């Protein structure tokens, strides 16, 4: 078995494997976004192919963010390989970690010998959505006042997003990438309008038959018109027309050792849950390559959990 580092010339082959066996999170397009997503983070891409007898038999997405193997501070996509090659993959991850001063890896999937770090998300079956009574009423009200368009200038979206947030929340390059995804057919940017004025935006990422609610913002003066509810309803219909079967609304947060959500995070989870769908566990694992750092992180997590729970 050989390890071959992912390079620019090999991205097409990499993305073809992703198309055949995975989803967008594994692709080089998502890796580009991840490596431009945050300020003050040093990135190195260690992703690699697994080759045997001249054939590519697996891929391992692996990005170093400062001293962690993570994606935007969260879990990296699960590696794709046969069970008999897992031991060699984990050995290569460990070698790269030690060689590059990485203290921790956080990865999707249940990895033997790693610590559990699973999370939860909400996934809708677009053939059978069942919003709550409150969400249905919110959408019905919004439809009386709002219209929408998907002919949106990405630079206007970026400028409005920063203004509504009150600060530059992410590098400008990320919006350039979002615009490119729209041109490539991976992204949908919806703008809600109230009497011709911008009321808010929602961006949805889709690939193959699956979609993900990526980001949104709402003009404060139009919040009373349930802009986010309305745009999600519009998105449902557009995604169905594109043959999308499932739509992931995003993370569901609960107080745990790994997460102590505040009121804002809980309300966002409740909003996403209100469209119906199934709460799905997203298995994830982590491993610490530094004993003292492991003790420090778990001590802080336990103290935070106790302070929030009791």
C-alpha atoms as a PDB file:
ATOM      1  CA  UNK A   1       0.000   0.000   0.000  1.00  0.00           C
ATOM      2  CA  UNK A   2       1.321   3.431  -0.978  1.00  0.00           C
ATOM      3  CA  UNK A   3       0.467   6.924   0.219  1.00  0.00           C
ATOM      4  CA  UNK A   4       0.132   9.616  -2.477  1.00  0.00           C
ATOM      5  CA  UNK A   5      -0.306  13.228  -1.430  1.00  0.00           C
ATOM      6  CA  UNK A   6      -3.192  15.168  -2.967  1.00  0.00           C
ATOM      7  CA  UNK A   7      -1.941  17.890  -5.290  1.00  0.00           C
ATOM      8  CA  UNK A   8      -3.571  20.292  -7.726  1.00  0.00           C
ATOM      9  CA  UNK A   9      -2.995  17.958 -10.667  1.00  0.00           C
ATOM     10  CA  UNK A  10      -4.807  15.125  -8.881  1.00  0.00           C
ATOM     11  CA  UNK A  11      -7.935  17.029  -7.817  1.00  0.00           C
ATOM     12  CA  UNK A  12     -10.068  15.723 -10.697  1.00  0.00           C
ATOM     13  CA  UNK A  13      -9.341  12.109  -9.743  1.00  0.00           C
ATOM     14  CA  UNK A  14      -9.985  12.957  -6.080  1.00  0.00           C
ATOM     15  CA  UNK A  15     -13.351  14.558  -6.816  1.00  0.00           C
ATOM     16  CA  UNK A  16     -14.408  11.635  -8.981  1.00  0.00           C
ATOM     17  CA  UNK A  17     -13.855   9.305  -6.014  1.00  0.00           C
ATOM     18  CA  UNK A  18     -15.903  11.715  -3.904  1.00  0.00           C
ATOM     19  CA  UNK A  19     -18.706  11.654  -6.465  1.00  0.00           C
ATOM     20  CA  UNK A  20     -18.709   7.855  -6.508  1.00  0.00           C
ATOM     21  CA  UNK A  21     -18.354   7.213  -2.771  1.00  0.00           C
ATOM     22  CA  UNK A  22     -18.927  10.360  -0.691  1.00  0.00           C
ATOM     23  CA  UNK A  23     -20.449  13.833  -0.611  1.00  0.00           C
ATOM     24  CA  UNK A  24     -19.306  17.409  -1.105  1.00  0.00           C
ATOM     25  CA  UNK A  25     -17.481  17.658   2.245  1.00  0.00           C
ATOM     26  CA  UNK A  26     -14.799  15.308   0.892  1.00  0.00           C
ATOM     27  CA  UNK A  27     -14.120  17.281  -2.304  1.00  0.00           C
ATOM     28  CA  UNK A  28     -11.235  19.586  -3.144  1.00  0.00           C
ATOM     29  CA  UNK A  29     -13.814  22.366  -3.608  1.00  0.00           C
ATOM     30  CA  UNK A  30     -14.776  22.148   0.055  1.00  0.00           C
ATOM     31  CA  UNK A  31     -11.129  21.924   1.077  1.00  0.00           C
ATOM     32  CA  UNK A  32     -10.501  25.213  -0.710  1.00  0.00           C
ATOM     33  CA  UNK A  33     -13.303  26.858   1.270  1.00  0.00           C
ATOM     34  CA  UNK A  34     -12.106  25.407   4.580  1.00  0.00           C
ATOM     35  CA  UNK A  35      -8.600  26.758   4.005  1.00  0.00           C
ATOM     36  CA  UNK A  36      -9.986  30.264   3.466  1.00  0.00           C
ATOM     37  CA  UNK A  37     -12.739  30.246   6.078  1.00  0.00           C
ATOM     38  CA  UNK A  38     -11.150  31.781   9.175  1.00  0.00           C
ATOM     39  CA  UNK A  39      -8.871  34.608  10.155  1.00  0.00           C
ATOM     40  CA  UNK A  40      -5.666  33.932  12.050  1.00  0.00           C
ATOM     41  CA  UNK A  41      -5.426  30.234  11.213  1.00  0.00           C
ATOM     42  CA  UNK A  42      -2.432  28.615   9.554  1.00  0.00           C
ATOM     43  CA  UNK A  43      -3.449  25.844   7.157  1.00  0.00           C
ATOM     44  CA  UNK A  44      -1.620  22.890   5.645  1.00  0.00           C
ATOM     45  CA  UNK A  45      -3.277  20.294   3.455  1.00  0.00           C
ATOM     46  CA  UNK A  46      -2.067  16.762   4.238  1.00  0.00           C
ATOM     47  CA  UNK A  47      -4.839  14.917   2.358  1.00  0.00           C
ATOM     48  CA  UNK A  48      -3.725  11.744   0.616  1.00  0.00           C
ATOM     49  CA  UNK A  49      -4.738   8.888  -1.668  1.00  0.00           C
ATOM     50  CA  UNK A  50      -4.286   5.235  -0.759  1.00  0.00           C
ATOM     51  CA  UNK A  51      -2.848   3.222  -3.640  1.00  0.00           C
ATOM     52  CA  UNK A  52      -2.342  -0.513  -4.034  1.00  0.00           C
ATOM     53  CA  UNK A  53      -1.051  -2.346  -7.099  1.00  0.00           C
ATOM     54  CA  UNK A  54      -1.388   0.809  -9.172  1.00  0.00           C
ATOM     55  CA  UNK A  55      -5.031   1.365  -8.205  1.00  0.00           C
ATOM     56  CA  UNK A  56      -6.482   4.120  -6.003  1.00  0.00           C
ATOM     57  CA  UNK A  57      -8.373   2.315  -3.257  1.00  0.00           C
ATOM     58  CA  UNK A  58      -9.150   5.156  -0.859  1.00  0.00           C
ATOM     59  CA  UNK A  59      -8.790   8.793   0.146  1.00  0.00           C
ATOM     60  CA  UNK A  60      -8.121  10.567   3.435  1.00  0.00           C
ATOM     61  CA  UNK A  61      -9.128  14.268   3.698  1.00  0.00           C
ATOM     62  CA  UNK A  62      -6.781  15.836   6.248  1.00  0.00           C
ATOM     63  CA  UNK A  63      -6.191  19.539   6.845  1.00  0.00           C
ATOM     64  CA  UNK A  64      -4.015  20.972   9.592  1.00  0.00           C
ATOM     65  CA  UNK A  65      -5.449  24.078  11.247  1.00  0.00           C
ATOM     66  CA  UNK A  66      -2.730  25.448  13.539  1.00  0.00           C
ATOM     67  CA  UNK A  67      -1.985  22.431  15.780  1.00  0.00           C
ATOM     68  CA  UNK A  68      -5.152  20.402  15.002  1.00  0.00           C
ATOM     69  CA  UNK A  69      -6.394  18.126  12.236  1.00  0.00           C
ATOM     70  CA  UNK A  70      -9.854  19.691  11.875  1.00  0.00           C
ATOM     71  CA  UNK A  71     -12.166  21.341   9.340  1.00  0.00           C
ATOM     72  CA  UNK A  72     -13.130  24.846  10.502  1.00  0.00           C
ATOM     73  CA  UNK A  73     -12.463  23.658  14.045  1.00  0.00           C
ATOM     74  CA  UNK A  74     -14.836  20.714  13.629  1.00  0.00           C
ATOM     75  CA  UNK A  75     -14.513  17.159  12.412  1.00  0.00           C
ATOM     76  CA  UNK A  76     -12.716  16.274   9.190  1.00  0.00           C
ATOM     77  CA  UNK A  77     -14.684  14.117   6.734  1.00  0.00           C
ATOM     78  CA  UNK A  78     -14.445  10.383   7.306  1.00  0.00           C
ATOM     79  CA  UNK A  79     -11.633   8.632   5.456  1.00  0.00           C
ATOM     80  CA  UNK A  80     -12.686   6.280   2.672  1.00  0.00           C
ATOM     81  CA  UNK A  81     -10.962   2.903   2.675  1.00  0.00           C
ATOM     82  CA  UNK A  82     -11.548  -0.798   3.219  1.00  0.00           C
ATOM     83  CA  UNK A  83     -11.448  -2.008   6.847  1.00  0.00           C
ATOM     84  CA  UNK A  84      -8.227  -3.924   6.240  1.00  0.00           C
ATOM     85  CA  UNK A  85      -6.433  -0.658   5.421  1.00  0.00           C
ATOM     86  CA  UNK A  86      -7.701   1.324   8.411  1.00  0.00           C
ATOM     87  CA  UNK A  87      -4.751   0.484  10.634  1.00  0.00           C
ATOM     88  CA  UNK A  88      -2.304   1.798   8.038  1.00  0.00           C
ATOM     89  CA  UNK A  89      -4.380   4.958   7.544  1.00  0.00           C
ATOM     90  CA  UNK A  90      -4.393   5.715  11.282  1.00  0.00           C
ATOM     91  CA  UNK A  91      -0.655   5.082  11.432  1.00  0.00           C
ATOM     92  CA  UNK A  92      -0.107   7.608   8.629  1.00  0.00           C
ATOM     93  CA  UNK A  93      -2.325  10.165  10.369  1.00  0.00           C
ATOM     94  CA  UNK A  94      -0.298   9.698  13.550  1.00  0.00           C
ATOM     95  CA  UNK A  95       2.983  10.005  11.672  1.00  0.00           C
ATOM     96  CA  UNK A  96       1.855  13.247  10.033  1.00  0.00           C
ATOM     97  CA  UNK A  97       0.625  14.574  13.378  1.00  0.00           C
ATOM     98  CA  UNK A  98       3.912  13.937  15.169  1.00  0.00           C
ATOM     99  CA  UNK A  99       5.951  15.255  12.249  1.00  0.00           C
ATOM    100  CA  UNK A 100       3.933  18.499  12.060  1.00  0.00           C
ATOM    101  CA  UNK A 101       3.298  19.243  15.743  1.00  0.00           C
ATOM    102  CA  UNK A 102      -0.394  18.338  15.673  1.00  0.00           C
ATOM    103  CA  UNK A 103      -1.907  17.753  19.110  1.00  0.00           C
ATOM    104  CA  UNK A 104      -5.358  16.415  18.167  1.00  0.00           C
ATOM    105  CA  UNK A 105      -7.390  14.965  15.315  1.00  0.00           C
ATOM    106  CA  UNK A 106     -11.189  15.226  15.124  1.00  0.00           C
ATOM    107  CA  UNK A 107     -12.720  13.020  12.435  1.00  0.00           C
ATOM    108  CA  UNK A 108     -16.141  11.807  11.308  1.00  0.00           C
ATOM    109  CA  UNK A 109     -16.966   8.167  11.933  1.00  0.00           C
ATOM    110  CA  UNK A 110     -16.444   5.651  14.711  1.00  0.00           C
ATOM    111  CA  UNK A 111     -12.717   5.064  14.886  1.00  0.00           C
ATOM    112  CA  UNK A 112     -11.415   2.200  17.016  1.00  0.00           C
ATOM    113  CA  UNK A 113      -9.099   3.441  19.735  1.00  0.00           C
ATOM    114  CA  UNK A 114     -10.309   7.035  19.453  1.00  0.00           C
ATOM    115  CA  UNK A 115     -12.602   8.890  21.872  1.00  0.00           C
ATOM    116  CA  UNK A 116     -16.236   9.448  20.951  1.00  0.00           C
ATOM    117  CA  UNK A 117     -17.055  13.013  19.849  1.00  0.00           C
ATOM    118  CA  UNK A 118     -20.365  12.496  18.054  1.00  0.00           C
ATOM    119  CA  UNK A 119     -22.874  15.239  17.339  1.00  0.00           C
ATOM    120  CA  UNK A 120     -26.433  15.481  16.003  1.00  0.00           C
ATOM    121  CA  UNK A 121     -28.062  17.066  12.975  1.00  0.00           C
ATOM    122  CA  UNK A 122     -31.538  17.402  11.463  1.00  0.00           C
ATOM    123  CA  UNK A 123     -32.244  15.911   8.024  1.00  0.00           C
ATOM    124  CA  UNK A 124     -35.438  16.428   6.035  1.00  0.00           C
ATOM    125  CA  UNK A 125     -36.991  14.037   3.562  1.00  0.00           C
ATOM    126  CA  UNK A 126     -38.098  16.545   0.923  1.00  0.00           C
ATOM    127  CA  UNK A 127     -40.825  14.186  -0.275  1.00  0.00           C
ATOM    128  CA  UNK A 128     -42.465  14.359   3.135  1.00  0.00           C
ATOM    129  CA  UNK A 129     -41.770  17.584   5.012  1.00  0.00           C
ATOM    130  CA  UNK A 130     -43.842  18.228   8.128  1.00  0.00           C
ATOM    131  CA  UNK A 131     -43.262  21.681   9.636  1.00  0.00           C
ATOM    132  CA  UNK A 132     -44.702  22.456  13.028  1.00  0.00           C
ATOM    133  CA  UNK A 133     -47.932  24.444  13.281  1.00  0.00           C
ATOM    134  CA  UNK A 134     -45.892  27.500  14.258  1.00  0.00           C
ATOM    135  CA  UNK A 135     -43.616  27.178  11.231  1.00  0.00           C
ATOM    136  CA  UNK A 136     -46.576  26.689   8.883  1.00  0.00           C
ATOM    137  CA  UNK A 137     -48.207  29.845  10.230  1.00  0.00           C
ATOM    138  CA  UNK A 138     -44.947  31.778   9.902  1.00  0.00           C
ATOM    139  CA  UNK A 139     -44.557  30.737   6.258  1.00  0.00           C
ATOM    140  CA  UNK A 140     -48.185  31.592   5.469  1.00  0.00           C
ATOM    141  CA  UNK A 141     -47.766  35.070   6.929  1.00  0.00           C
ATOM    142  CA  UNK A 142     -44.482  35.637   5.084  1.00  0.00           C
ATOM    143  CA  UNK A 143     -46.010  34.713   1.735  1.00  0.00           C
ATOM    144  CA  UNK A 144     -48.363  37.693   2.038  1.00  0.00           C
ATOM    145  CA  UNK A 145     -45.511  40.186   2.147  1.00  0.00           C
ATOM    146  CA  UNK A 146     -42.405  38.683   0.575  1.00  0.00           C
ATOM    147  CA  UNK A 147     -41.192  37.683  -2.855  1.00  0.00           C
ATOM    148  CA  UNK A 148     -37.887  36.107  -3.815  1.00  0.00           C
ATOM    149  CA  UNK A 149     -35.200  35.941  -6.473  1.00  0.00           C
ATOM    150  CA  UNK A 150     -32.190  33.739  -7.107  1.00  0.00           C
ATOM    151  CA  UNK A 151     -30.559  36.287  -9.415  1.00  0.00           C
ATOM    152  CA  UNK A 152     -28.346  37.721  -6.699  1.00  0.00           C
ATOM    153  CA  UNK A 153     -25.003  39.482  -6.973  1.00  0.00           C
ATOM    154  CA  UNK A 154     -22.548  37.689  -4.675  1.00  0.00           C
ATOM    155  CA  UNK A 155     -20.768  40.956  -3.839  1.00  0.00           C
ATOM    156  CA  UNK A 156     -24.028  42.554  -2.721  1.00  0.00           C
ATOM    157  CA  UNK A 157     -24.689  39.503  -0.555  1.00  0.00           C
ATOM    158  CA  UNK A 158     -21.219  39.775   0.976  1.00  0.00           C
ATOM    159  CA  UNK A 159     -21.571  43.484   1.740  1.00  0.00           C
ATOM    160  CA  UNK A 160     -25.065  43.055   3.200  1.00  0.00           C
ATOM    161  CA  UNK A 161     -23.922  40.053   5.236  1.00  0.00           C
ATOM    162  CA  UNK A 162     -21.068  42.014   6.814  1.00  0.00           C
ATOM    163  CA  UNK A 163     -23.302  45.030   7.477  1.00  0.00           C
ATOM    164  CA  UNK A 164     -26.042  42.977   9.125  1.00  0.00           C
ATOM    165  CA  UNK A 165     -23.468  41.134  11.247  1.00  0.00           C
ATOM    166  CA  UNK A 166     -21.890  44.429  12.227  1.00  0.00           C
ATOM    167  CA  UNK A 167     -18.421  43.123  11.395  1.00  0.00           C
ATOM    168  CA  UNK A 168     -16.397  41.180   8.845  1.00  0.00           C
ATOM    169  CA  UNK A 169     -17.155  37.664  10.046  1.00  0.00           C
ATOM    170  CA  UNK A 170     -15.177  35.690   7.470  1.00  0.00           C
ATOM    171  CA  UNK A 171     -12.599  36.445   4.745  1.00  0.00           C
ATOM    172  CA  UNK A 172     -13.832  37.904   1.461  1.00  0.00           C
ATOM    173  CA  UNK A 173     -12.367  34.925  -0.396  1.00  0.00           C
ATOM    174  CA  UNK A 174     -15.093  32.693   1.036  1.00  0.00           C
ATOM    175  CA  UNK A 175     -17.764  34.699  -0.795  1.00  0.00           C
ATOM    176  CA  UNK A 176     -15.810  34.413  -4.038  1.00  0.00           C
ATOM    177  CA  UNK A 177     -15.863  30.650  -3.548  1.00  0.00           C
ATOM    178  CA  UNK A 178     -19.611  30.686  -2.823  1.00  0.00           C
ATOM    179  CA  UNK A 179     -20.133  32.572  -6.060  1.00  0.00           C
ATOM    180  CA  UNK A 180     -18.060  30.030  -7.958  1.00  0.00           C
ATOM    181  CA  UNK A 181     -20.152  27.177  -6.538  1.00  0.00           C
ATOM    182  CA  UNK A 182     -23.277  28.866  -7.894  1.00  0.00           C
ATOM    183  CA  UNK A 183     -21.668  29.034 -11.347  1.00  0.00           C
ATOM    184  CA  UNK A 184     -20.666  25.373 -11.066  1.00  0.00           C
ATOM    185  CA  UNK A 185     -24.203  24.396 -10.080  1.00  0.00           C
ATOM    186  CA  UNK A 186     -23.497  23.476  -6.442  1.00  0.00           C
ATOM    187  CA  UNK A 187     -24.981  26.533  -4.725  1.00  0.00           C
ATOM    188  CA  UNK A 188     -28.292  28.391  -4.547  1.00  0.00           C
ATOM    189  CA  UNK A 189     -28.414  31.939  -3.181  1.00  0.00           C
ATOM    190  CA  UNK A 190     -31.924  33.198  -2.448  1.00  0.00           C
ATOM    191  CA  UNK A 191     -32.850  36.800  -1.675  1.00  0.00           C
ATOM    192  CA  UNK A 192     -36.148  37.695  -0.024  1.00  0.00           C
ATOM    193  CA  UNK A 193     -37.701  41.022  -1.027  1.00  0.00           C
ATOM    194  CA  UNK A 194     -40.194  43.273   0.763  1.00  0.00           C
ATOM    195  CA  UNK A 195     -41.624  45.810  -1.661  1.00  0.00           C
ATOM    196  CA  UNK A 196     -38.433  45.579  -3.692  1.00  0.00           C
ATOM    197  CA  UNK A 197     -36.115  45.982  -0.701  1.00  0.00           C
ATOM    198  CA  UNK A 198     -33.754  43.254   0.445  1.00  0.00           C
ATOM    199  CA  UNK A 199     -35.195  41.472   3.494  1.00  0.00           C
ATOM    200  CA  UNK A 200     -32.670  38.663   3.835  1.00  0.00           C
ATOM    201  CA  UNK A 201     -30.709  35.848   2.227  1.00  0.00           C
ATOM    202  CA  UNK A 202     -30.278  32.089   2.424  1.00  0.00           C
ATOM    203  CA  UNK A 203     -27.498  30.055   0.816  1.00  0.00           C
ATOM    204  CA  UNK A 204     -28.012  26.332   0.171  1.00  0.00           C
ATOM    205  CA  UNK A 205     -25.320  23.909  -0.953  1.00  0.00           C
ATOM    206  CA  UNK A 206     -26.387  20.888  -3.002  1.00  0.00           C
ATOM    207  CA  UNK A 207     -24.559  18.006  -4.667  1.00  0.00           C
ATOM    208  CA  UNK A 208     -25.936  14.826  -6.158  1.00  0.00           C
ATOM    209  CA  UNK A 209     -29.268  14.180  -4.373  1.00  0.00           C
ATOM    210  CA  UNK A 210     -28.404  15.848  -1.049  1.00  0.00           C
ATOM    211  CA  UNK A 211     -28.460  19.474   0.130  1.00  0.00           C
ATOM    212  CA  UNK A 212     -27.200  21.426   3.127  1.00  0.00           C
ATOM    213  CA  UNK A 213     -28.457  24.684   4.675  1.00  0.00           C
ATOM    214  CA  UNK A 214     -25.244  26.669   4.588  1.00  0.00           C
ATOM    215  CA  UNK A 215     -25.819  30.203   5.831  1.00  0.00           C
ATOM    216  CA  UNK A 216     -28.313  33.064   6.023  1.00  0.00           C
ATOM    217  CA  UNK A 217     -28.904  36.581   7.272  1.00  0.00           C
ATOM    218  CA  UNK A 218     -31.968  38.775   7.806  1.00  0.00           C
ATOM    219  CA  UNK A 219     -32.336  42.541   7.740  1.00  0.00           C
ATOM    220  CA  UNK A 220     -33.428  43.503  11.307  1.00  0.00           C
ATOM    221  CA  UNK A 221     -36.255  45.758  10.101  1.00  0.00           C
ATOM    222  CA  UNK A 222     -37.932  42.798   8.352  1.00  0.00           C
ATOM    223  CA  UNK A 223     -37.589  40.084  10.993  1.00  0.00           C
ATOM    224  CA  UNK A 224     -41.298  40.345  11.821  1.00  0.00           C
ATOM    225  CA  UNK A 225     -42.094  38.901   8.372  1.00  0.00           C
ATOM    226  CA  UNK A 226     -40.448  35.523   9.087  1.00  0.00           C
ATOM    227  CA  UNK A 227     -37.879  35.881   6.325  1.00  0.00           C
ATOM    228  CA  UNK A 228     -35.908  32.754   7.214  1.00  0.00           C
ATOM    229  CA  UNK A 229     -39.025  30.564   7.346  1.00  0.00           C
ATOM    230  CA  UNK A 230     -40.090  31.889   3.962  1.00  0.00           C
ATOM    231  CA  UNK A 231     -36.744  31.320   2.238  1.00  0.00           C
ATOM    232  CA  UNK A 232     -36.525  27.776   3.552  1.00  0.00           C
ATOM    233  CA  UNK A 233     -39.957  27.074   2.097  1.00  0.00           C
ATOM    234  CA  UNK A 234     -38.772  28.439  -1.248  1.00  0.00           C
ATOM    235  CA  UNK A 235     -35.612  26.343  -1.011  1.00  0.00           C
ATOM    236  CA  UNK A 236     -37.637  23.168  -0.422  1.00  0.00           C
ATOM    237  CA  UNK A 237     -39.483  23.649  -3.701  1.00  0.00           C
ATOM    238  CA  UNK A 238     -36.369  24.512  -5.707  1.00  0.00           C
ATOM    239  CA  UNK A 239     -34.482  21.524  -4.346  1.00  0.00           C
ATOM    240  CA  UNK A 240     -37.344  19.178  -5.203  1.00  0.00           C
ATOM    241  CA  UNK A 241     -37.274  20.513  -8.772  1.00  0.00           C
ATOM    242  CA  UNK A 242     -33.572  19.666  -8.940  1.00  0.00           C
ATOM    243  CA  UNK A 243     -34.212  16.096  -7.816  1.00  0.00           C
ATOM    244  CA  UNK A 244     -32.771  16.598  -4.342  1.00  0.00           C
ATOM    245  CA  UNK A 245     -34.145  14.005  -1.942  1.00  0.00           C
ATOM    246  CA  UNK A 246     -32.730  14.987   1.436  1.00  0.00           C
ATOM    247  CA  UNK A 247     -31.935  18.364   2.967  1.00  0.00           C
ATOM    248  CA  UNK A 248     -29.750  18.715   6.041  1.00  0.00           C
ATOM    249  CA  UNK A 249     -30.804  21.679   8.138  1.00  0.00           C
ATOM    250  CA  UNK A 250     -27.783  21.462  10.410  1.00  0.00           C
ATOM    251  CA  UNK A 251     -26.503  20.866  13.895  1.00  0.00           C
ATOM    252  CA  UNK A 252     -28.748  20.079  16.832  1.00  0.00           C
ATOM    253  CA  UNK A 253     -27.125  21.109  20.103  1.00  0.00           C
ATOM    254  CA  UNK A 254     -27.599  19.577  23.537  1.00  0.00           C
ATOM    255  CA  UNK A 255     -25.663  20.117  26.725  1.00  0.00           C
ATOM    256  CA  UNK A 256     -22.909  17.514  26.821  1.00  0.00           C
ATOM    257  CA  UNK A 257     -19.241  17.115  27.607  1.00  0.00           C
ATOM    258  CA  UNK A 258     -18.395  18.374  24.109  1.00  0.00           C
ATOM    259  CA  UNK A 259     -20.951  21.153  23.820  1.00  0.00           C
ATOM    260  CA  UNK A 260     -22.515  23.671  26.188  1.00  0.00           C
ATOM    261  CA  UNK A 261     -24.814  25.699  23.920  1.00  0.00           C
ATOM    262  CA  UNK A 262     -26.123  29.113  24.832  1.00  0.00           C
ATOM    263  CA  UNK A 263     -29.638  30.413  24.271  1.00  0.00           C
ATOM    264  CA  UNK A 264     -28.829  31.596  20.724  1.00  0.00           C
ATOM    265  CA  UNK A 265     -27.532  28.171  19.674  1.00  0.00           C
ATOM    266  CA  UNK A 266     -30.544  26.435  21.226  1.00  0.00           C
ATOM    267  CA  UNK A 267     -32.954  28.746  19.402  1.00  0.00           C
ATOM    268  CA  UNK A 268     -31.214  28.125  16.074  1.00  0.00           C
ATOM    269  CA  UNK A 269     -31.504  24.376  16.634  1.00  0.00           C
ATOM    270  CA  UNK A 270     -35.181  24.743  17.467  1.00  0.00           C
ATOM    271  CA  UNK A 271     -35.773  26.766  14.287  1.00  0.00           C
ATOM    272  CA  UNK A 272     -34.139  24.067  12.149  1.00  0.00           C
ATOM    273  CA  UNK A 273     -36.008  21.302  13.944  1.00  0.00           C
ATOM    274  CA  UNK A 274     -39.315  23.063  13.373  1.00  0.00           C
ATOM    275  CA  UNK A 275     -39.358  22.131   9.697  1.00  0.00           C
ATOM    276  CA  UNK A 276     -39.711  18.484  10.653  1.00  0.00           C
ATOM    277  CA  UNK A 277     -37.152  15.934   9.681  1.00  0.00           C
ATOM    278  CA  UNK A 278     -35.237  13.359  11.625  1.00  0.00           C
ATOM    279  CA  UNK A 279     -32.631  13.962  14.298  1.00  0.00           C
ATOM    280  CA  UNK A 280     -29.616  11.980  13.150  1.00  0.00           C
ATOM    281  CA  UNK A 281     -26.449  11.187  15.026  1.00  0.00           C
ATOM    282  CA  UNK A 282     -23.257  12.157  13.230  1.00  0.00           C
ATOM    283  CA  UNK A 283     -20.611   9.771  14.558  1.00  0.00           C
ATOM    284  CA  UNK A 284     -17.253  11.391  15.169  1.00  0.00           C
ATOM    285  CA  UNK A 285     -14.071  10.528  17.018  1.00  0.00           C
ATOM    286  CA  UNK A 286     -11.037  12.333  18.350  1.00  0.00           C
ATOM    287  CA  UNK A 287      -7.549  11.404  19.377  1.00  0.00           C
ATOM    288  CA  UNK A 288      -4.917  13.383  21.259  1.00  0.00           C
ATOM    289  CA  UNK A 289      -1.272  13.041  20.322  1.00  0.00           C
ATOM    290  CA  UNK A 290      -0.211  15.039  23.389  1.00  0.00           C
ATOM    291  CA  UNK A 291      -1.024  13.652  26.852  1.00  0.00           C
ATOM    292  CA  UNK A 292      -0.869  16.981  28.683  1.00  0.00           C
ATOM    293  CA  UNK A 293      -3.040  18.659  26.085  1.00  0.00           C
ATOM    294  CA  UNK A 294      -5.594  15.852  26.391  1.00  0.00           C
ATOM    295  CA  UNK A 295      -5.742  16.333  30.155  1.00  0.00           C
ATOM    296  CA  UNK A 296      -6.097  20.102  29.756  1.00  0.00           C
ATOM    297  CA  UNK A 297      -8.935  19.861  27.196  1.00  0.00           C
ATOM    298  CA  UNK A 298     -10.929  17.243  29.084  1.00  0.00           C
ATOM    299  CA  UNK A 299     -10.527  19.074  32.392  1.00  0.00           C
ATOM    300  CA  UNK A 300     -11.884  22.261  30.804  1.00  0.00           C
ATOM    301  CA  UNK A 301     -14.745  20.401  29.150  1.00  0.00           C
ATOM    302  CA  UNK A 302     -15.759  18.690  32.364  1.00  0.00           C
ATOM    303  CA  UNK A 303     -15.667  21.918  34.345  1.00  0.00           C
ATOM    304  CA  UNK A 304     -17.735  23.721  31.687  1.00  0.00           C
ATOM    305  CA  UNK A 305     -20.253  20.879  31.595  1.00  0.00           C
ATOM    306  CA  UNK A 306     -20.682  20.895  35.389  1.00  0.00           C
ATOM    307  CA  UNK A 307     -21.018  24.677  35.485  1.00  0.00           C
ATOM    308  CA  UNK A 308     -23.728  24.630  32.788  1.00  0.00           C
ATOM    309  CA  UNK A 309     -25.608  21.516  33.863  1.00  0.00           C
ATOM    310  CA  UNK A 310     -25.844  21.966  37.645  1.00  0.00           C
END
